[in-house]
Each structure stands twice: as structure tokens, then as C-alpha cells.
Amino acid sequence: MKDKNIYGSKIIPLPEPRFIVFYNGVEEHPDHEELRISDAYQVKEKNVALELVADVLNINAGHNEKLLKACKTLGDYAEYVRRIREYAKEVPIEKAVERAIQECIREDILREFLKKNRSEAKAMSIYEYNEEEHMRMERQDAFADGFEDGFEDGFKAGSEQEQANTERERQRADKAEEEIRKLREELEKLKKR
């Protein structure tokens, strides 16, 4: 782009963008699926003016193993998350995360990253796990309420609950981003000392 006339009338060839989402949630998903932004449009048009397609790749154990072996960092991250989930079934999340971090460092799984960013990785892992667990419980509660109230009432309540959950998720995401920003600032200050 440096030597291109971006104000000229000729089209400047661009590399084709690719959007990839790595899924590592707890619900069952296929190895690969496509998400289209147009699926979220309120009004469905035959010819959409803007389309974005994201490839969603499941990186949980037993999925896309060839990819996880080819990309060590991604495979290591998937293993780190798997261990946290496994250990959290037996001990509080804080201990599960600490155990996973210690083992991963010892076994050369994300070793350098975890050694360098241990406190930030631990805080984010605990936050993400708690958020995931909370959302799972919210969905269970909404389903139970809907079942008791009957199909129509349950559908309406579930829809309203989902809207409220979405707003809470947005607020939590905003809060998490702010916490991450603060943690990064603190890390930068520590690095400068």
C-alpha cells in the first residue's frame, strides 16, 4: 500500500480477509461451522448489502486435532483450558487454575506466556470460567422457569431473560475489558521498574 495511489481511480488489489473464531465453550459444537452477520439482520433481504462470514473452529478436545497439532500455541491453549475445566470439577476454580498453570509451565505448555503473564492469565481464567458457569446456570434457570409456566409463557419468559442476559453479558464484557486494561497498565508499570 505504501507505493500505491490510494486516491487514484484504479482499484488497488487487496488480500481477501478471513474471519476465524476459535470456539472452546462447553456446549457441543461441530468441528467447523459458518456464521453469517446477515443471520442477525432484523429485516431479511434477498440481496444483502453487507455480508461477513466467519469460520468457527471448535478447539475443544477431540475436535480439529490436526489444527491443534499444527499450531502449538493454539493446541497448548486448548489443553490449558481443558485442564482448568477438569480440575474445577474437583476443587475451587482458583485452585484449579493455579494447578493448571503450574502443570503447564512444568510440561512446556504455554510455558513462556504463563511465566511472563501468570497473574493476568490467572485472573482472566478465573473470570472467564465464572462467567461461563454463571451463564450455564442462568440458562438452566430460564429453562426450568419456562417449563413450569408452560410452553407459551416459558417461551416469552425465556426470550425476556435472554435479552436481560445479553445486556448483563455486555456489561460484564465491558467491565472485563476495563479490568484487563487496568491489569495491562499495572503490568507495564511493573515492567518499567
C-alpha atoms as a PDB file:
ATOM      1  CA  MET A   1       0.000   0.000   0.000  1.00  0.00           C
ATOM      2  CA  LYS A   2       2.958   2.281   0.589  1.00  0.00           C
ATOM      3  CA  ASP A   3       3.684   2.805  -3.098  1.00  0.00           C
ATOM      4  CA  LYS A   4       0.039   2.733  -4.253  1.00  0.00           C
ATOM      5  CA  ASN A   5      -2.026   5.709  -5.323  1.00  0.00           C
ATOM      6  CA  ILE A   6      -4.891   5.298  -2.863  1.00  0.00           C
ATOM      7  CA  TYR A   7      -6.597   8.422  -4.230  1.00  0.00           C
ATOM      8  CA  GLY A   8      -6.461   7.285  -7.847  1.00  0.00           C
ATOM      9  CA  SER A   9      -9.282   5.829  -9.922  1.00  0.00           C
ATOM     10  CA  LYS A  10      -7.750   2.348 -10.338  1.00  0.00           C
ATOM     11  CA  ILE A  11      -8.738  -0.431  -7.988  1.00  0.00           C
ATOM     12  CA  ILE A  12      -5.972  -1.439  -5.641  1.00  0.00           C
ATOM     13  CA  PRO A  13      -5.953  -5.214  -5.155  1.00  0.00           C
ATOM     14  CA  LEU A  14      -6.398  -6.201  -1.524  1.00  0.00           C
ATOM     15  CA  PRO A  15      -5.802  -9.541   0.151  1.00  0.00           C
ATOM     16  CA  GLU A  16      -9.055 -11.362   0.830  1.00  0.00           C
ATOM     17  CA  PRO A  17      -9.998 -11.008   4.505  1.00  0.00           C
ATOM     18  CA  ARG A  18     -10.738 -14.148   6.507  1.00  0.00           C
ATOM     19  CA  PHE A  19     -12.537 -14.139   9.819  1.00  0.00           C
ATOM     20  CA  ILE A  20     -11.927 -17.067  12.138  1.00  0.00           C
ATOM     21  CA  VAL A  21     -13.468 -17.713  15.543  1.00  0.00           C
ATOM     22  CA  PHE A  22     -12.000 -20.369  17.807  1.00  0.00           C
ATOM     23  CA  TYR A  23     -14.753 -21.982  19.879  1.00  0.00           C
ATOM     24  CA  ASN A  24     -13.820 -23.561  23.199  1.00  0.00           C
ATOM     25  CA  GLY A  25     -17.105 -23.341  25.093  1.00  0.00           C
ATOM     26  CA  VAL A  26     -18.702 -26.211  26.970  1.00  0.00           C
ATOM     27  CA  GLU A  27     -21.672 -26.822  24.679  1.00  0.00           C
ATOM     28  CA  GLU A  28     -21.350 -29.344  21.870  1.00  0.00           C
ATOM     29  CA  HIS A  29     -20.420 -27.816  18.516  1.00  0.00           C
ATOM     30  CA  PRO A  30     -19.210 -29.322  15.239  1.00  0.00           C
ATOM     31  CA  ASP A  31     -15.573 -29.096  14.166  1.00  0.00           C
ATOM     32  CA  HIS A  32     -16.458 -26.322  11.707  1.00  0.00           C
ATOM     33  CA  GLU A  33     -19.417 -24.073  11.056  1.00  0.00           C
ATOM     34  CA  GLU A  34     -20.019 -20.745   9.386  1.00  0.00           C
ATOM     35  CA  LEU A  35     -21.584 -17.712  10.999  1.00  0.00           C
ATOM     36  CA  ARG A  36     -23.058 -15.002   8.800  1.00  0.00           C
ATOM     37  CA  ILE A  37     -23.693 -11.494  10.025  1.00  0.00           C
ATOM     38  CA  SER A  38     -26.796 -11.348   7.826  1.00  0.00           C
ATOM     39  CA  ASP A  39     -28.415 -14.006  10.057  1.00  0.00           C
ATOM     40  CA  ALA A  40     -28.662 -11.296  12.727  1.00  0.00           C
ATOM     41  CA  TYR A  41     -30.289  -8.684  10.477  1.00  0.00           C
ATOM     42  CA  GLN A  42     -33.775  -7.726  11.647  1.00  0.00           C
ATOM     43  CA  VAL A  43     -35.102  -7.446   8.106  1.00  0.00           C
ATOM     44  CA  LYS A  44     -34.160 -10.332   5.836  1.00  0.00           C
ATOM     45  CA  GLU A  45     -33.393  -9.103   2.332  1.00  0.00           C
ATOM     46  CA  LYS A  46     -32.809 -11.311  -0.694  1.00  0.00           C
ATOM     47  CA  ASN A  47     -29.601  -9.472  -1.610  1.00  0.00           C
ATOM     48  CA  VAL A  48     -27.838  -8.158   1.462  1.00  0.00           C
ATOM     49  CA  ALA A  49     -25.701  -5.045   1.066  1.00  0.00           C
ATOM     50  CA  LEU A  50     -23.063  -6.253   3.514  1.00  0.00           C
ATOM     51  CA  GLU A  51     -22.128  -9.803   4.368  1.00  0.00           C
ATOM     52  CA  LEU A  52     -19.442 -11.111   6.671  1.00  0.00           C
ATOM     53  CA  VAL A  53     -18.771 -14.812   7.048  1.00  0.00           C
ATOM     54  CA  ALA A  54     -16.771 -16.150   9.975  1.00  0.00           C
ATOM     55  CA  ASP A  55     -15.417 -19.677  10.102  1.00  0.00           C
ATOM     56  CA  VAL A  56     -15.948 -21.126  13.581  1.00  0.00           C
ATOM     57  CA  LEU A  57     -13.448 -23.831  14.506  1.00  0.00           C
ATOM     58  CA  ASN A  58     -14.010 -25.944  17.596  1.00  0.00           C
ATOM     59  CA  ILE A  59     -10.746 -26.271  19.545  1.00  0.00           C
ATOM     60  CA  ASN A  60     -12.034 -28.466  22.357  1.00  0.00           C
ATOM     61  CA  ALA A  61     -10.525 -31.919  22.935  1.00  0.00           C
ATOM     62  CA  GLY A  62     -11.476 -34.332  20.175  1.00  0.00           C
ATOM     63  CA  HIS A  63     -12.055 -31.576  17.598  1.00  0.00           C
ATOM     64  CA  ASN A  64      -9.758 -30.247  14.862  1.00  0.00           C
ATOM     65  CA  GLU A  65      -6.820 -32.239  16.219  1.00  0.00           C
ATOM     66  CA  LYS A  66      -4.772 -31.721  13.044  1.00  0.00           C
ATOM     67  CA  LEU A  67      -5.050 -27.934  13.500  1.00  0.00           C
ATOM     68  CA  LEU A  68      -4.159 -28.125  17.197  1.00  0.00           C
ATOM     69  CA  LYS A  69      -1.061 -30.194  16.409  1.00  0.00           C
ATOM     70  CA  ALA A  70      -0.025 -27.866  13.584  1.00  0.00           C
ATOM     71  CA  CYS A  71      -0.316 -24.744  15.768  1.00  0.00           C
ATOM     72  CA  LYS A  72       1.414 -25.450  19.091  1.00  0.00           C
ATOM     73  CA  THR A  73       0.215 -22.262  20.775  1.00  0.00           C
ATOM     74  CA  LEU A  74      -3.417 -22.941  19.916  1.00  0.00           C
ATOM     75  CA  GLY A  75      -3.091 -26.585  20.950  1.00  0.00           C
ATOM     76  CA  ASP A  76      -1.425 -25.552  24.202  1.00  0.00           C
ATOM     77  CA  TYR A  77      -4.198 -23.067  24.934  1.00  0.00           C
ATOM     78  CA  ALA A  78      -6.857 -25.731  24.317  1.00  0.00           C
ATOM     79  CA  GLU A  79      -5.030 -28.085  26.693  1.00  0.00           C
ATOM     80  CA  TYR A  80      -4.700 -25.364  29.341  1.00  0.00           C
ATOM     81  CA  VAL A  81      -8.456 -24.670  29.215  1.00  0.00           C
ATOM     82  CA  ARG A  82      -9.254 -28.405  29.271  1.00  0.00           C
ATOM     83  CA  ARG A  83      -7.208 -28.864  32.422  1.00  0.00           C
ATOM     84  CA  ILE A  84      -8.854 -25.955  34.193  1.00  0.00           C
ATOM     85  CA  ARG A  85     -12.304 -27.371  33.438  1.00  0.00           C
ATOM     86  CA  GLU A  86     -11.289 -30.846  34.564  1.00  0.00           C
ATOM     87  CA  TYR A  87      -9.739 -29.667  37.833  1.00  0.00           C
ATOM     88  CA  ALA A  88     -12.614 -27.268  38.567  1.00  0.00           C
ATOM     89  CA  LYS A  89     -14.893 -30.300  38.902  1.00  0.00           C
ATOM     90  CA  GLU A  90     -12.899 -31.298  41.998  1.00  0.00           C
ATOM     91  CA  VAL A  91     -11.583 -28.086  43.586  1.00  0.00           C
ATOM     92  CA  PRO A  92     -12.480 -24.361  43.668  1.00  0.00           C
ATOM     93  CA  ILE A  93     -11.712 -22.523  40.432  1.00  0.00           C
ATOM     94  CA  GLU A  94      -8.800 -20.564  41.937  1.00  0.00           C
ATOM     95  CA  LYS A  95      -7.009 -23.799  42.883  1.00  0.00           C
ATOM     96  CA  ALA A  96      -7.904 -25.414  39.563  1.00  0.00           C
ATOM     97  CA  VAL A  97      -6.372 -22.515  37.629  1.00  0.00           C
ATOM     98  CA  GLU A  98      -3.236 -22.460  39.779  1.00  0.00           C
ATOM     99  CA  ARG A  99      -2.776 -26.228  39.356  1.00  0.00           C
ATOM    100  CA  ALA A 100      -3.226 -25.955  35.579  1.00  0.00           C
ATOM    101  CA  ILE A 101      -0.724 -23.071  35.392  1.00  0.00           C
ATOM    102  CA  GLN A 102       1.892 -24.952  37.439  1.00  0.00           C
ATOM    103  CA  GLU A 103       1.498 -28.149  35.404  1.00  0.00           C
ATOM    104  CA  CYS A 104       1.517 -26.327  32.078  1.00  0.00           C
ATOM    105  CA  ILE A 105       4.699 -24.447  32.926  1.00  0.00           C
ATOM    106  CA  ARG A 106       6.336 -27.685  34.080  1.00  0.00           C
ATOM    107  CA  GLU A 107       5.201 -29.576  30.940  1.00  0.00           C
ATOM    108  CA  ASP A 108       6.121 -26.801  28.443  1.00  0.00           C
ATOM    109  CA  ILE A 109       2.511 -25.928  27.654  1.00  0.00           C
ATOM    110  CA  LEU A 110       2.323 -22.148  27.134  1.00  0.00           C
ATOM    111  CA  ARG A 111       5.395 -22.042  29.404  1.00  0.00           C
ATOM    112  CA  GLU A 112       6.861 -18.681  28.406  1.00  0.00           C
ATOM    113  CA  PHE A 113       3.486 -16.935  28.229  1.00  0.00           C
ATOM    114  CA  LEU A 114       2.354 -18.256  31.618  1.00  0.00           C
ATOM    115  CA  LYS A 115       5.672 -17.436  33.272  1.00  0.00           C
ATOM    116  CA  LYS A 116       5.621 -13.895  31.891  1.00  0.00           C
ATOM    117  CA  ASN A 117       1.873 -13.203  32.354  1.00  0.00           C
ATOM    118  CA  ARG A 118       0.975 -15.515  35.214  1.00  0.00           C
ATOM    119  CA  SER A 119      -1.169 -13.128  37.276  1.00  0.00           C
ATOM    120  CA  GLU A 120      -3.067 -11.761  34.256  1.00  0.00           C
ATOM    121  CA  ALA A 121      -3.633 -15.280  32.865  1.00  0.00           C
ATOM    122  CA  LYS A 122      -4.855 -16.471  36.249  1.00  0.00           C
ATOM    123  CA  ALA A 123      -7.245 -13.529  36.695  1.00  0.00           C
ATOM    124  CA  MET A 124      -8.678 -13.915  33.191  1.00  0.00           C
ATOM    125  CA  SER A 125      -9.039 -17.688  33.514  1.00  0.00           C
ATOM    126  CA  ILE A 126     -10.947 -17.344  36.766  1.00  0.00           C
ATOM    127  CA  TYR A 127     -13.140 -14.584  35.336  1.00  0.00           C
ATOM    128  CA  GLU A 128     -13.915 -16.492  32.123  1.00  0.00           C
ATOM    129  CA  TYR A 129     -14.692 -19.706  33.988  1.00  0.00           C
ATOM    130  CA  ASN A 130     -17.009 -17.935  36.432  1.00  0.00           C
ATOM    131  CA  GLU A 131     -18.758 -16.157  33.550  1.00  0.00           C
ATOM    132  CA  GLU A 132     -19.186 -19.422  31.645  1.00  0.00           C
ATOM    133  CA  GLU A 133     -20.549 -21.216  34.710  1.00  0.00           C
ATOM    134  CA  HIS A 134     -22.882 -18.340  35.530  1.00  0.00           C
ATOM    135  CA  MET A 135     -24.293 -18.279  32.004  1.00  0.00           C
ATOM    136  CA  ARG A 136     -24.836 -22.044  32.100  1.00  0.00           C
ATOM    137  CA  MET A 137     -26.754 -21.695  35.371  1.00  0.00           C
ATOM    138  CA  GLU A 138     -28.770 -18.774  34.007  1.00  0.00           C
ATOM    139  CA  ARG A 139     -29.795 -20.861  31.004  1.00  0.00           C
ATOM    140  CA  GLN A 140     -30.784 -23.753  33.275  1.00  0.00           C
ATOM    141  CA  ASP A 141     -32.888 -21.443  35.460  1.00  0.00           C
ATOM    142  CA  ALA A 142     -34.579 -19.868  32.447  1.00  0.00           C
ATOM    143  CA  PHE A 143     -35.360 -23.304  31.030  1.00  0.00           C
ATOM    144  CA  ALA A 144     -36.806 -24.547  34.337  1.00  0.00           C
ATOM    145  CA  ASP A 145     -38.954 -21.426  34.683  1.00  0.00           C
ATOM    146  CA  GLY A 146     -40.187 -21.796  31.123  1.00  0.00           C
ATOM    147  CA  PHE A 147     -41.049 -25.455  31.602  1.00  0.00           C
ATOM    148  CA  GLU A 148     -43.085 -24.753  34.757  1.00  0.00           C
ATOM    149  CA  ASP A 149     -45.026 -21.863  33.235  1.00  0.00           C
ATOM    150  CA  GLY A 150     -45.962 -23.739  30.100  1.00  0.00           C
ATOM    151  CA  PHE A 151     -44.715 -23.544  26.562  1.00  0.00           C
ATOM    152  CA  GLU A 152     -46.031 -20.094  25.583  1.00  0.00           C
ATOM    153  CA  ASP A 153     -45.315 -18.390  28.890  1.00  0.00           C
ATOM    154  CA  GLY A 154     -41.940 -20.120  29.042  1.00  0.00           C
ATOM    155  CA  PHE A 155     -41.022 -19.010  25.549  1.00  0.00           C
ATOM    156  CA  LYS A 156     -41.872 -15.400  26.402  1.00  0.00           C
ATOM    157  CA  ALA A 157     -40.004 -15.513  29.730  1.00  0.00           C
ATOM    158  CA  GLY A 158     -37.007 -17.194  28.130  1.00  0.00           C
ATOM    159  CA  SER A 159     -36.890 -14.514  25.454  1.00  0.00           C
ATOM    160  CA  GLU A 160     -37.047 -11.726  28.043  1.00  0.00           C
ATOM    161  CA  GLN A 161     -34.454 -13.487  30.194  1.00  0.00           C
ATOM    162  CA  GLU A 162     -32.189 -13.848  27.177  1.00  0.00           C
ATOM    163  CA  GLN A 163     -32.463 -10.117  26.475  1.00  0.00           C
ATOM    164  CA  ALA A 164     -31.608  -9.361  30.097  1.00  0.00           C
ATOM    165  CA  ASN A 165     -28.749 -11.883  29.970  1.00  0.00           C
ATOM    166  CA  THR A 166     -27.442 -10.300  26.800  1.00  0.00           C
ATOM    167  CA  GLU A 167     -27.402  -6.885  28.439  1.00  0.00           C
ATOM    168  CA  ARG A 168     -25.702  -8.316  31.549  1.00  0.00           C
ATOM    169  CA  GLU A 169     -23.175 -10.091  29.319  1.00  0.00           C
ATOM    170  CA  ARG A 170     -22.428  -6.820  27.522  1.00  0.00           C
ATOM    171  CA  GLN A 171     -21.968  -5.036  30.846  1.00  0.00           C
ATOM    172  CA  ARG A 172     -19.716  -7.828  32.148  1.00  0.00           C
ATOM    173  CA  ALA A 173     -17.690  -7.774  28.940  1.00  0.00           C
ATOM    174  CA  ASP A 174     -17.253  -4.010  29.292  1.00  0.00           C
ATOM    175  CA  LYS A 175     -16.177  -4.485  32.901  1.00  0.00           C
ATOM    176  CA  ALA A 176     -13.779  -7.284  31.929  1.00  0.00           C
ATOM    177  CA  GLU A 177     -12.235  -5.133  29.208  1.00  0.00           C
ATOM    178  CA  GLU A 178     -11.730  -2.347  31.738  1.00  0.00           C
ATOM    179  CA  GLU A 179     -10.159  -4.795  34.219  1.00  0.00           C
ATOM    180  CA  ILE A 180      -7.850  -6.146  31.516  1.00  0.00           C
ATOM    181  CA  ARG A 181      -6.851  -2.609  30.556  1.00  0.00           C
ATOM    182  CA  LYS A 182      -6.041  -1.838  34.195  1.00  0.00           C
ATOM    183  CA  LEU A 183      -4.082  -5.095  34.580  1.00  0.00           C
ATOM    184  CA  ARG A 184      -2.088  -4.303  31.460  1.00  0.00           C
ATOM    185  CA  GLU A 185      -1.344  -0.813  32.756  1.00  0.00           C
ATOM    186  CA  GLU A 186      -0.182  -2.298  36.052  1.00  0.00           C
ATOM    187  CA  LEU A 187       1.988  -4.836  34.201  1.00  0.00           C
ATOM    188  CA  GLU A 188       3.511  -2.059  32.123  1.00  0.00           C
ATOM    189  CA  LYS A 189       4.283  -0.073  35.276  1.00  0.00           C
ATOM    190  CA  LEU A 190       5.899  -3.140  36.834  1.00  0.00           C
ATOM    191  CA  LYS A 191       7.975  -3.756  33.713  1.00  0.00           C
ATOM    192  CA  LYS A 192       9.275  -0.160  33.794  1.00  0.00           C
ATOM    193  CA  ARG A 193      10.516  -0.520  37.378  1.00  0.00           C
END
